[in-house]
Amino acid sequence: MTTYRKWYCTCSGKPVELDYETEVLTEDEVGEPICRRCGATNSSDPKKTVVYRDIEDWED
């Protein structure tokens, strides 16, 4: 079982899934998720609008 974390921003009043930055940091890492609307990220969220949900994958 693998657990994935999906990040959402609620700045529009509804949770919208965040897009990951296109910059690749290393082979195993990609940039952090960012809101296209307000620019919030999971590490920089002054308005406290970023939330997450853990998704369990039972396929593996």
C-alpha atoms as a PDB file:
ATOM      1  CA  MET A   1       0.000   0.000   0.000  1.00  0.00           C
ATOM      2  CA  THR A   2       1.295   3.430  -0.939  1.00  0.00           C
ATOM      3  CA  THR A   3       0.019   6.725   0.432  1.00  0.00           C
ATOM      4  CA  TYR A   4       0.061   9.817  -1.769  1.00  0.00           C
ATOM      5  CA  ARG A   5      -0.472  13.353  -0.526  1.00  0.00           C
ATOM      6  CA  LYS A   6      -2.568  15.675  -2.687  1.00  0.00           C
ATOM      7  CA  TRP A   7      -2.480  19.403  -1.958  1.00  0.00           C
ATOM      8  CA  TYR A   8      -5.427  21.759  -2.448  1.00  0.00           C
ATOM      9  CA  CYS A   9      -5.954  25.509  -2.146  1.00  0.00           C
ATOM     10  CA  THR A  10      -9.265  26.940  -0.960  1.00  0.00           C
ATOM     11  CA  CYS A  11      -8.619  30.580  -1.956  1.00  0.00           C
ATOM     12  CA  SER A  12     -11.527  30.434  -4.422  1.00  0.00           C
ATOM     13  CA  GLY A  13     -13.940  29.015  -1.852  1.00  0.00           C
ATOM     14  CA  LYS A  14     -13.662  25.463  -3.218  1.00  0.00           C
ATOM     15  CA  PRO A  15     -10.687  23.100  -2.938  1.00  0.00           C
ATOM     16  CA  VAL A  16      -8.654  23.162  -6.171  1.00  0.00           C
ATOM     17  CA  GLU A  17      -5.764  20.712  -6.604  1.00  0.00           C
ATOM     18  CA  LEU A  18      -2.378  22.418  -6.710  1.00  0.00           C
ATOM     19  CA  ASP A  19      -0.054  22.019  -9.696  1.00  0.00           C
ATOM     20  CA  TYR A  20       3.579  21.096  -9.168  1.00  0.00           C
ATOM     21  CA  GLU A  21       6.287  23.484 -10.299  1.00  0.00           C
ATOM     22  CA  THR A  22       7.938  22.358 -13.510  1.00  0.00           C
ATOM     23  CA  GLU A  23      11.429  22.807 -12.063  1.00  0.00           C
ATOM     24  CA  VAL A  24      13.050  19.456 -11.218  1.00  0.00           C
ATOM     25  CA  LEU A  25      15.297  19.665  -8.172  1.00  0.00           C
ATOM     26  CA  THR A  26      16.807  16.167  -8.319  1.00  0.00           C
ATOM     27  CA  GLU A  27      15.881  12.860  -9.904  1.00  0.00           C
ATOM     28  CA  ASP A  28      13.598  11.976  -6.989  1.00  0.00           C
ATOM     29  CA  GLU A  29      12.225  15.442  -6.232  1.00  0.00           C
ATOM     30  CA  VAL A  30      10.127  17.900  -8.149  1.00  0.00           C
ATOM     31  CA  GLY A  31       9.253  21.431  -7.107  1.00  0.00           C
ATOM     32  CA  GLU A  32       6.605  21.995  -4.480  1.00  0.00           C
ATOM     33  CA  PRO A  33       2.899  22.329  -5.331  1.00  0.00           C
ATOM     34  CA  ILE A  34       1.743  25.881  -6.081  1.00  0.00           C
ATOM     35  CA  CYS A  35      -1.673  27.509  -6.553  1.00  0.00           C
ATOM     36  CA  ARG A  36      -1.996  29.094  -9.995  1.00  0.00           C
ATOM     37  CA  ARG A  37      -4.538  31.584  -8.661  1.00  0.00           C
ATOM     38  CA  CYS A  38      -2.940  33.025  -5.514  1.00  0.00           C
ATOM     39  CA  GLY A  39       0.603  31.624  -5.580  1.00  0.00           C
ATOM     40  CA  ALA A  40       0.350  29.829  -2.228  1.00  0.00           C
ATOM     41  CA  THR A  41       2.490  26.763  -1.614  1.00  0.00           C
ATOM     42  CA  ASN A  42       2.537  24.190   1.163  1.00  0.00           C
ATOM     43  CA  SER A  43       5.555  25.963   2.718  1.00  0.00           C
ATOM     44  CA  SER A  44       4.402  29.556   2.080  1.00  0.00           C
ATOM     45  CA  ASP A  45       0.729  29.975   2.872  1.00  0.00           C
ATOM     46  CA  PRO A  46       0.114  33.326   4.621  1.00  0.00           C
ATOM     47  CA  LYS A  47      -3.690  33.138   4.238  1.00  0.00           C
ATOM     48  CA  LYS A  48      -3.854  29.510   5.495  1.00  0.00           C
ATOM     49  CA  THR A  49      -5.774  28.314   2.418  1.00  0.00           C
ATOM     50  CA  VAL A  50      -3.638  25.261   1.551  1.00  0.00           C
ATOM     51  CA  VAL A  51      -4.894  21.875   2.770  1.00  0.00           C
ATOM     52  CA  TYR A  52      -3.960  18.308   1.925  1.00  0.00           C
ATOM     53  CA  ARG A  53      -5.574  14.906   1.661  1.00  0.00           C
ATOM     54  CA  ASP A  54      -3.731  11.583   1.933  1.00  0.00           C
ATOM     55  CA  ILE A  55      -4.826   9.073  -0.715  1.00  0.00           C
ATOM     56  CA  GLU A  56      -4.157   5.372  -0.086  1.00  0.00           C
ATOM     57  CA  ASP A  57      -3.369   3.195  -3.104  1.00  0.00           C
ATOM     58  CA  TRP A  58      -4.159  -0.450  -2.436  1.00  0.00           C
ATOM     59  CA  GLU A  59      -3.002  -1.610  -5.888  1.00  0.00           C
ATOM     60  CA  ASP A  60       0.627  -2.233  -4.937  1.00  0.00           C
END
